[in-house]
Amino acid sequence: MGENQAEPEPAPVAELVGRVGAWNHVETAARRTGGTAFRVGDREFGHVHASGALDIDFTLALRDHLVESGLTDEHNLFPDSGWTTYHVAGDHDVDRAEWLLRLSYLYHVLHLWRRPSMRRQLRDVDVHASLHDLDPEQSVIDAFDGLLAR
């Protein structure tokens, strides 16, 4: 491929980008280093590489729980950060990838709600209902409780 041509996304990655890009207030954008970034407001909550490596940002506590539960892995380059890496190798991985991104998205929406202008902009995102729809373990809900109380 030429230097300026992006590597085509495999079908599962393209499907994931389409699904997540359809969420309220989510913007997708090509990353300078390749792949597609997912943003809400001014926060990147994840990005996926054409290889299928999906990097997702969580709090450290939430990241620790998700890694310990085997739902995702530590980030391959920054294992001590809140970032995780999940591999989208085929169609069977898209649902979990979307679940993980949705969890991160909800965390970042709650973080953005601290700013009055963003709270108004994101008021149509029902974090409580969306979190309930994900049906996470109680420890995941507990990780959100502090943010929900603010």
N, C-alpha and C. Protein backbone atom coordinates (compact mmCIF):
# COMPACT_ATOMS: atom_id res chain seq x y z
N MET A 1 0.84 -1.19 0.00
CA MET A 1 0.00 0.00 0.00
C MET A 1 0.88 1.24 0.00
N GLY A 2 0.39 2.31 -0.59
CA GLY A 2 1.13 3.57 -0.59
C GLY A 2 1.18 4.17 0.80
N GLU A 3 2.11 5.10 0.99
CA GLU A 3 2.29 5.71 2.30
C GLU A 3 1.04 6.42 2.81
N ASN A 4 0.29 7.04 1.93
CA ASN A 4 -0.85 7.84 2.34
C ASN A 4 -2.16 7.08 2.35
N GLN A 5 -2.12 5.80 2.03
CA GLN A 5 -3.34 5.03 2.01
C GLN A 5 -3.52 4.30 3.34
N ALA A 6 -4.73 4.40 3.89
CA ALA A 6 -5.03 3.71 5.13
C ALA A 6 -5.23 2.23 4.85
N GLU A 7 -4.82 1.42 5.80
CA GLU A 7 -5.04 -0.02 5.68
C GLU A 7 -6.54 -0.27 5.83
N PRO A 8 -7.15 -1.06 4.96
CA PRO A 8 -8.59 -1.30 5.07
C PRO A 8 -8.92 -2.05 6.36
N GLU A 9 -10.06 -1.72 6.94
CA GLU A 9 -10.49 -2.38 8.16
C GLU A 9 -11.12 -3.73 7.82
N PRO A 10 -10.79 -4.77 8.56
CA PRO A 10 -11.50 -6.04 8.38
C PRO A 10 -12.97 -5.86 8.75
N ALA A 11 -13.84 -6.71 8.25
CA ALA A 11 -15.28 -6.58 8.45
C ALA A 11 -15.67 -6.44 9.93
N PRO A 12 -15.13 -7.24 10.87
CA PRO A 12 -15.53 -7.06 12.27
C PRO A 12 -15.16 -5.69 12.82
N VAL A 13 -14.02 -5.16 12.44
CA VAL A 13 -13.60 -3.84 12.90
C VAL A 13 -14.52 -2.78 12.30
N ALA A 14 -14.83 -2.89 11.03
CA ALA A 14 -15.74 -1.94 10.38
C ALA A 14 -17.12 -1.99 11.03
N GLU A 15 -17.59 -3.18 11.37
CA GLU A 15 -18.89 -3.30 12.03
C GLU A 15 -18.86 -2.61 13.39
N LEU A 16 -17.80 -2.82 14.15
CA LEU A 16 -17.67 -2.18 15.46
C LEU A 16 -17.65 -0.67 15.33
N VAL A 17 -16.89 -0.15 14.39
CA VAL A 17 -16.82 1.30 14.17
C VAL A 17 -18.21 1.83 13.82
N GLY A 18 -18.94 1.13 12.98
CA GLY A 18 -20.29 1.56 12.62
C GLY A 18 -21.24 1.57 13.79
N ARG A 19 -21.20 0.53 14.60
CA ARG A 19 -22.09 0.45 15.76
C ARG A 19 -21.81 1.57 16.76
N VAL A 20 -20.55 1.72 17.14
CA VAL A 20 -20.19 2.71 18.16
C VAL A 20 -20.36 4.12 17.62
N GLY A 21 -20.05 4.31 16.35
CA GLY A 21 -20.23 5.63 15.75
C GLY A 21 -21.67 6.09 15.70
N ALA A 22 -22.62 5.17 15.86
CA ALA A 22 -24.04 5.52 15.84
C ALA A 22 -24.57 5.95 17.21
N TRP A 23 -23.78 5.81 18.26
CA TRP A 23 -24.24 6.22 19.59
C TRP A 23 -24.36 7.74 19.67
N ASN A 24 -25.27 8.20 20.54
CA ASN A 24 -25.44 9.64 20.76
C ASN A 24 -24.13 10.28 21.20
N HIS A 25 -23.80 11.37 20.54
CA HIS A 25 -22.66 12.22 20.89
C HIS A 25 -21.29 11.59 20.65
N VAL A 26 -21.22 10.47 19.95
CA VAL A 26 -19.93 9.85 19.66
C VAL A 26 -19.44 10.32 18.30
N GLU A 27 -18.19 10.71 18.28
CA GLU A 27 -17.52 11.05 17.03
C GLU A 27 -16.43 10.02 16.78
N THR A 28 -16.32 9.60 15.54
CA THR A 28 -15.22 8.73 15.15
C THR A 28 -14.28 9.55 14.28
N ALA A 29 -13.01 9.27 14.41
CA ALA A 29 -12.02 10.01 13.63
C ALA A 29 -10.81 9.13 13.38
N ALA A 30 -10.21 9.33 12.21
CA ALA A 30 -8.97 8.62 11.91
C ALA A 30 -7.88 9.12 12.86
N ARG A 31 -7.08 8.21 13.36
CA ARG A 31 -5.97 8.57 14.24
C ARG A 31 -4.72 8.81 13.41
N ARG A 32 -3.92 9.71 13.86
CA ARG A 32 -2.66 10.03 13.17
C ARG A 32 -1.78 8.80 13.05
N THR A 33 -1.82 7.93 14.06
CA THR A 33 -1.00 6.72 14.07
C THR A 33 -1.71 5.51 13.48
N GLY A 34 -2.89 5.73 12.92
CA GLY A 34 -3.65 4.65 12.30
C GLY A 34 -4.82 4.21 13.17
N GLY A 35 -5.81 3.65 12.54
CA GLY A 35 -6.99 3.19 13.25
C GLY A 35 -8.04 4.28 13.38
N THR A 36 -9.05 3.99 14.19
CA THR A 36 -10.18 4.89 14.39
C THR A 36 -10.36 5.17 15.87
N ALA A 37 -10.46 6.46 16.22
CA ALA A 37 -10.69 6.88 17.61
C ALA A 37 -12.18 7.07 17.84
N PHE A 38 -12.61 6.79 19.08
CA PHE A 38 -13.98 7.02 19.52
C PHE A 38 -13.93 8.11 20.58
N ARG A 39 -14.70 9.18 20.37
CA ARG A 39 -14.68 10.31 21.30
C ARG A 39 -16.09 10.69 21.71
N VAL A 40 -16.20 11.15 22.95
CA VAL A 40 -17.40 11.80 23.44
C VAL A 40 -16.92 13.10 24.06
N GLY A 41 -17.51 14.21 23.63
CA GLY A 41 -16.98 15.50 24.06
C GLY A 41 -15.53 15.60 23.61
N ASP A 42 -14.67 16.03 24.52
CA ASP A 42 -13.24 16.13 24.18
C ASP A 42 -12.43 14.95 24.69
N ARG A 43 -13.13 13.86 25.02
CA ARG A 43 -12.46 12.70 25.61
C ARG A 43 -12.46 11.50 24.66
N GLU A 44 -11.29 10.94 24.44
CA GLU A 44 -11.20 9.70 23.68
C GLU A 44 -11.40 8.56 24.67
N PHE A 45 -12.42 7.74 24.42
CA PHE A 45 -12.66 6.62 25.33
C PHE A 45 -12.17 5.29 24.76
N GLY A 46 -11.72 5.30 23.52
CA GLY A 46 -11.15 4.10 22.94
C GLY A 46 -10.72 4.34 21.51
N HIS A 47 -9.99 3.38 20.99
CA HIS A 47 -9.63 3.41 19.57
C HIS A 47 -9.34 1.98 19.13
N VAL A 48 -9.57 1.75 17.85
CA VAL A 48 -9.36 0.42 17.30
C VAL A 48 -8.41 0.52 16.11
N HIS A 49 -7.47 -0.39 16.07
CA HIS A 49 -6.52 -0.47 14.97
C HIS A 49 -7.06 -1.42 13.91
N ALA A 50 -6.63 -1.27 12.68
CA ALA A 50 -7.07 -2.15 11.60
C ALA A 50 -6.73 -3.61 11.91
N SER A 51 -5.73 -3.83 12.74
CA SER A 51 -5.34 -5.20 13.12
C SER A 51 -6.38 -5.86 14.03
N GLY A 52 -7.31 -5.04 14.56
CA GLY A 52 -8.31 -5.56 15.49
C GLY A 52 -7.97 -5.28 16.94
N ALA A 53 -6.80 -4.72 17.22
CA ALA A 53 -6.45 -4.35 18.60
C ALA A 53 -7.31 -3.16 19.01
N LEU A 54 -8.11 -3.35 20.04
CA LEU A 54 -9.02 -2.33 20.54
C LEU A 54 -8.51 -1.86 21.89
N ASP A 55 -8.14 -0.60 22.00
CA ASP A 55 -7.65 -0.02 23.24
C ASP A 55 -8.76 0.83 23.85
N ILE A 56 -9.06 0.56 25.13
CA ILE A 56 -10.19 1.20 25.80
C ILE A 56 -9.73 1.78 27.13
N ASP A 57 -10.19 2.99 27.44
CA ASP A 57 -9.80 3.71 28.65
C ASP A 57 -10.84 3.53 29.75
N PHE A 58 -10.39 3.10 30.93
CA PHE A 58 -11.23 2.94 32.12
C PHE A 58 -10.51 3.58 33.31
N THR A 59 -11.21 3.65 34.44
CA THR A 59 -10.52 3.98 35.69
C THR A 59 -9.63 2.79 36.03
N LEU A 60 -8.63 3.01 36.86
CA LEU A 60 -7.76 1.90 37.24
C LEU A 60 -8.53 0.79 37.95
N ALA A 61 -9.44 1.17 38.86
CA ALA A 61 -10.21 0.17 39.59
C ALA A 61 -11.08 -0.66 38.65
N LEU A 62 -11.72 0.00 37.71
CA LEU A 62 -12.57 -0.71 36.76
C LEU A 62 -11.71 -1.56 35.83
N ARG A 63 -10.60 -1.00 35.38
CA ARG A 63 -9.69 -1.78 34.54
C ARG A 63 -9.22 -3.04 35.26
N ASP A 64 -8.84 -2.89 36.53
CA ASP A 64 -8.37 -4.04 37.30
C ASP A 64 -9.44 -5.12 37.37
N HIS A 65 -10.67 -4.72 37.64
CA HIS A 65 -11.77 -5.70 37.72
C HIS A 65 -11.99 -6.40 36.38
N LEU A 66 -12.02 -5.64 35.31
CA LEU A 66 -12.27 -6.22 33.98
C LEU A 66 -11.16 -7.17 33.56
N VAL A 67 -9.92 -6.82 33.88
CA VAL A 67 -8.78 -7.70 33.55
C VAL A 67 -8.84 -8.96 34.41
N GLU A 68 -9.07 -8.79 35.72
CA GLU A 68 -9.15 -9.95 36.62
C GLU A 68 -10.29 -10.88 36.23
N SER A 69 -11.37 -10.33 35.69
CA SER A 69 -12.52 -11.13 35.27
C SER A 69 -12.31 -11.79 33.91
N GLY A 70 -11.21 -11.45 33.24
CA GLY A 70 -10.92 -12.04 31.94
C GLY A 70 -11.71 -11.44 30.79
N LEU A 71 -12.30 -10.26 31.02
CA LEU A 71 -13.10 -9.63 29.97
C LEU A 71 -12.25 -8.86 28.97
N THR A 72 -11.06 -8.46 29.38
CA THR A 72 -10.12 -7.74 28.53
C THR A 72 -8.72 -7.96 29.09
N ASP A 73 -7.73 -7.41 28.43
CA ASP A 73 -6.34 -7.55 28.87
C ASP A 73 -5.75 -6.19 29.22
N GLU A 74 -4.65 -6.21 29.98
CA GLU A 74 -3.93 -4.97 30.21
C GLU A 74 -3.48 -4.42 28.87
N HIS A 75 -3.31 -3.11 28.81
CA HIS A 75 -2.82 -2.49 27.58
C HIS A 75 -1.44 -3.04 27.27
N ASN A 76 -1.20 -3.33 26.01
CA ASN A 76 0.07 -3.96 25.62
C ASN A 76 1.28 -3.05 25.81
N LEU A 77 1.11 -1.74 25.73
CA LEU A 77 2.24 -0.81 25.90
C LEU A 77 2.23 -0.10 27.24
N PHE A 78 1.04 0.10 27.82
CA PHE A 78 0.90 0.86 29.07
C PHE A 78 0.12 0.04 30.09
N PRO A 79 0.71 -1.04 30.60
CA PRO A 79 -0.03 -1.95 31.48
C PRO A 79 -0.39 -1.35 32.84
N ASP A 80 0.25 -0.26 33.25
CA ASP A 80 -0.04 0.34 34.54
C ASP A 80 -1.02 1.50 34.45
N SER A 81 -1.61 1.70 33.28
CA SER A 81 -2.58 2.77 33.08
C SER A 81 -3.99 2.19 33.17
N GLY A 82 -4.99 3.03 32.98
CA GLY A 82 -6.37 2.58 32.94
C GLY A 82 -6.74 1.97 31.59
N TRP A 83 -5.84 2.03 30.64
CA TRP A 83 -6.12 1.52 29.29
C TRP A 83 -6.03 0.00 29.27
N THR A 84 -6.90 -0.60 28.47
CA THR A 84 -6.90 -2.05 28.26
C THR A 84 -6.80 -2.32 26.76
N THR A 85 -6.49 -3.56 26.43
CA THR A 85 -6.48 -3.99 25.03
C THR A 85 -7.33 -5.24 24.90
N TYR A 86 -8.26 -5.19 23.95
CA TYR A 86 -9.11 -6.34 23.63
C TYR A 86 -8.93 -6.59 22.14
N HIS A 87 -8.82 -7.84 21.75
CA HIS A 87 -8.58 -8.15 20.34
C HIS A 87 -9.87 -8.56 19.64
N VAL A 88 -10.20 -7.83 18.59
CA VAL A 88 -11.36 -8.13 17.75
C VAL A 88 -10.82 -8.96 16.59
N ALA A 89 -10.85 -10.27 16.78
CA ALA A 89 -10.27 -11.17 15.78
C ALA A 89 -11.30 -11.67 14.78
N GLY A 90 -12.57 -11.62 15.16
CA GLY A 90 -13.61 -12.11 14.26
C GLY A 90 -14.96 -11.58 14.68
N ASP A 91 -15.99 -11.96 13.94
CA ASP A 91 -17.35 -11.50 14.21
C ASP A 91 -17.78 -11.80 15.65
N HIS A 92 -17.31 -12.92 16.19
CA HIS A 92 -17.69 -13.35 17.53
C HIS A 92 -17.17 -12.41 18.63
N ASP A 93 -16.25 -11.52 18.31
CA ASP A 93 -15.67 -10.61 19.30
C ASP A 93 -16.34 -9.24 19.32
N VAL A 94 -17.18 -8.95 18.35
CA VAL A 94 -17.73 -7.60 18.20
C VAL A 94 -18.65 -7.24 19.36
N ASP A 95 -19.50 -8.17 19.80
CA ASP A 95 -20.43 -7.85 20.89
C ASP A 95 -19.71 -7.49 22.18
N ARG A 96 -18.69 -8.28 22.56
CA ARG A 96 -17.96 -7.94 23.79
C ARG A 96 -17.20 -6.63 23.61
N ALA A 97 -16.62 -6.41 22.45
CA ALA A 97 -15.91 -5.16 22.20
C ALA A 97 -16.86 -3.97 22.36
N GLU A 98 -18.07 -4.11 21.83
CA GLU A 98 -19.06 -3.03 21.96
C GLU A 98 -19.45 -2.84 23.42
N TRP A 99 -19.62 -3.94 24.16
CA TRP A 99 -19.97 -3.88 25.59
C TRP A 99 -18.90 -3.11 26.36
N LEU A 100 -17.64 -3.45 26.12
CA LEU A 100 -16.53 -2.78 26.80
C LEU A 100 -16.47 -1.30 26.45
N LEU A 101 -16.65 -0.98 25.18
CA LEU A 101 -16.64 0.43 24.77
C LEU A 101 -17.82 1.18 25.38
N ARG A 102 -18.99 0.54 25.47
CA ARG A 102 -20.16 1.20 26.06
C ARG A 102 -19.90 1.52 27.52
N LEU A 103 -19.28 0.60 28.23
CA LEU A 103 -18.95 0.82 29.63
C LEU A 103 -18.01 2.02 29.77
N SER A 104 -17.00 2.09 28.94
CA SER A 104 -16.07 3.21 28.97
C SER A 104 -16.77 4.52 28.59
N TYR A 105 -17.60 4.46 27.57
CA TYR A 105 -18.37 5.64 27.13
C TYR A 105 -19.19 6.19 28.30
N LEU A 106 -19.88 5.31 29.02
CA LEU A 106 -20.72 5.77 30.14
C LEU A 106 -19.86 6.40 31.23
N TYR A 107 -18.71 5.81 31.52
CA TYR A 107 -17.80 6.41 32.49
C TYR A 107 -17.38 7.81 32.04
N HIS A 108 -17.03 7.95 30.79
CA HIS A 108 -16.57 9.25 30.29
C HIS A 108 -17.71 10.27 30.24
N VAL A 109 -18.92 9.83 29.95
CA VAL A 109 -20.07 10.74 30.02
C VAL A 109 -20.22 11.26 31.45
N LEU A 110 -20.16 10.37 32.43
CA LEU A 110 -20.26 10.80 33.83
C LEU A 110 -19.15 11.78 34.18
N HIS A 111 -17.96 11.53 33.72
CA HIS A 111 -16.85 12.44 33.98
C HIS A 111 -17.13 13.82 33.35
N LEU A 112 -17.66 13.81 32.14
CA LEU A 112 -17.96 15.07 31.45
C LEU A 112 -19.11 15.83 32.12
N TRP A 113 -20.01 15.12 32.80
CA TRP A 113 -21.13 15.77 33.47
C TRP A 113 -20.66 16.74 34.55
N ARG A 114 -19.41 16.66 34.98
CA ARG A 114 -18.88 17.59 35.98
C ARG A 114 -18.88 19.03 35.45
N ARG A 115 -18.85 19.16 34.14
CA ARG A 115 -18.86 20.49 33.51
C ARG A 115 -20.31 20.83 33.16
N PRO A 116 -20.83 21.94 33.68
CA PRO A 116 -22.23 22.28 33.42
C PRO A 116 -22.59 22.31 31.93
N SER A 117 -21.72 22.84 31.10
CA SER A 117 -22.06 22.91 29.67
C SER A 117 -22.16 21.51 29.07
N MET A 118 -21.31 20.60 29.49
CA MET A 118 -21.36 19.23 28.97
C MET A 118 -22.55 18.48 29.55
N ARG A 119 -22.90 18.77 30.80
CA ARG A 119 -24.06 18.11 31.40
C ARG A 119 -25.31 18.45 30.59
N ARG A 120 -25.43 19.70 30.19
CA ARG A 120 -26.58 20.10 29.35
C ARG A 120 -26.52 19.41 28.00
N GLN A 121 -25.34 19.36 27.41
CA GLN A 121 -25.19 18.77 26.08
C GLN A 121 -25.47 17.26 26.10
N LEU A 122 -25.09 16.59 27.18
CA LEU A 122 -25.22 15.13 27.26
C LEU A 122 -26.42 14.68 28.08
N ARG A 123 -27.36 15.59 28.34
CA ARG A 123 -28.49 15.26 29.22
C ARG A 123 -29.37 14.12 28.71
N ASP A 124 -29.33 13.86 27.40
CA ASP A 124 -30.16 12.79 26.86
C ASP A 124 -29.52 11.40 26.99
N VAL A 125 -28.32 11.32 27.53
CA VAL A 125 -27.68 10.02 27.76
C VAL A 125 -28.13 9.53 29.14
N ASP A 126 -28.92 8.48 29.17
CA ASP A 126 -29.42 7.92 30.43
C ASP A 126 -28.42 6.89 30.93
N VAL A 127 -27.49 7.36 31.74
CA VAL A 127 -26.41 6.49 32.21
C VAL A 127 -26.96 5.35 33.06
N HIS A 128 -27.92 5.64 33.95
CA HIS A 128 -28.50 4.60 34.80
C HIS A 128 -29.09 3.47 33.96
N ALA A 129 -29.95 3.82 33.02
CA ALA A 129 -30.61 2.81 32.19
C ALA A 129 -29.61 2.08 31.31
N SER A 130 -28.66 2.82 30.75
CA SER A 130 -27.67 2.19 29.88
C SER A 130 -26.79 1.22 30.65
N LEU A 131 -26.41 1.60 31.86
CA LEU A 131 -25.61 0.70 32.69
C LEU A 131 -26.41 -0.55 33.04
N HIS A 132 -27.68 -0.36 33.37
CA HIS A 132 -28.56 -1.50 33.67
C HIS A 132 -28.68 -2.42 32.47
N ASP A 133 -28.81 -1.85 31.27
CA ASP A 133 -28.92 -2.65 30.05
C ASP A 133 -27.68 -3.51 29.80
N LEU A 134 -26.53 -3.04 30.25
CA LEU A 134 -25.29 -3.81 30.07
C LEU A 134 -25.24 -5.03 31.00
N ASP A 135 -26.05 -4.99 32.07
CA ASP A 135 -26.13 -6.09 33.03
C ASP A 135 -24.75 -6.49 33.56
N PRO A 136 -23.99 -5.50 34.08
CA PRO A 136 -22.65 -5.83 34.58
C PRO A 136 -22.71 -6.46 35.97
N GLU A 137 -21.59 -7.01 36.39
CA GLU A 137 -21.47 -7.53 37.75
C GLU A 137 -21.61 -6.37 38.74
N GLN A 138 -21.99 -6.70 39.97
CA GLN A 138 -22.19 -5.69 41.00
C GLN A 138 -20.94 -4.84 41.21
N SER A 139 -19.77 -5.43 41.13
CA SER A 139 -18.54 -4.67 41.35
C SER A 139 -18.36 -3.57 40.30
N VAL A 140 -18.85 -3.80 39.10
CA VAL A 140 -18.79 -2.77 38.06
C VAL A 140 -19.76 -1.64 38.41
N ILE A 141 -20.96 -2.01 38.85
CA ILE A 141 -21.93 -0.99 39.27
C ILE A 141 -21.37 -0.19 40.43
N ASP A 142 -20.73 -0.87 41.38
CA ASP A 142 -20.13 -0.18 42.53
C ASP A 142 -19.09 0.84 42.08
N ALA A 143 -18.33 0.51 41.05
CA ALA A 143 -17.31 1.43 40.54
C ALA A 143 -17.95 2.70 39.98
N PHE A 144 -19.18 2.59 39.51
CA PHE A 144 -19.88 3.75 38.96
C PHE A 144 -20.60 4.55 40.04
N ASP A 145 -20.91 3.93 41.18
CA ASP A 145 -21.72 4.59 42.19
C ASP A 145 -21.16 5.93 42.64
N GLY A 146 -19.86 6.02 42.83
CA GLY A 146 -19.26 7.29 43.25
C GLY A 146 -19.47 8.38 42.23
N LEU A 147 -19.36 8.05 40.98
CA LEU A 147 -19.58 9.04 39.92
C LEU A 147 -21.05 9.39 39.78
N LEU A 148 -21.92 8.40 39.93
CA LEU A 148 -23.36 8.65 39.81
C LEU A 148 -23.87 9.55 40.93
N ALA A 149 -23.24 9.49 42.10
CA ALA A 149 -23.67 10.27 43.25
C ALA A 149 -23.30 11.75 43.13
N ARG A 150 -22.39 12.06 42.23
CA ARG A 150 -21.92 13.46 42.11
C ARG A 150 -22.94 14.32 41.44
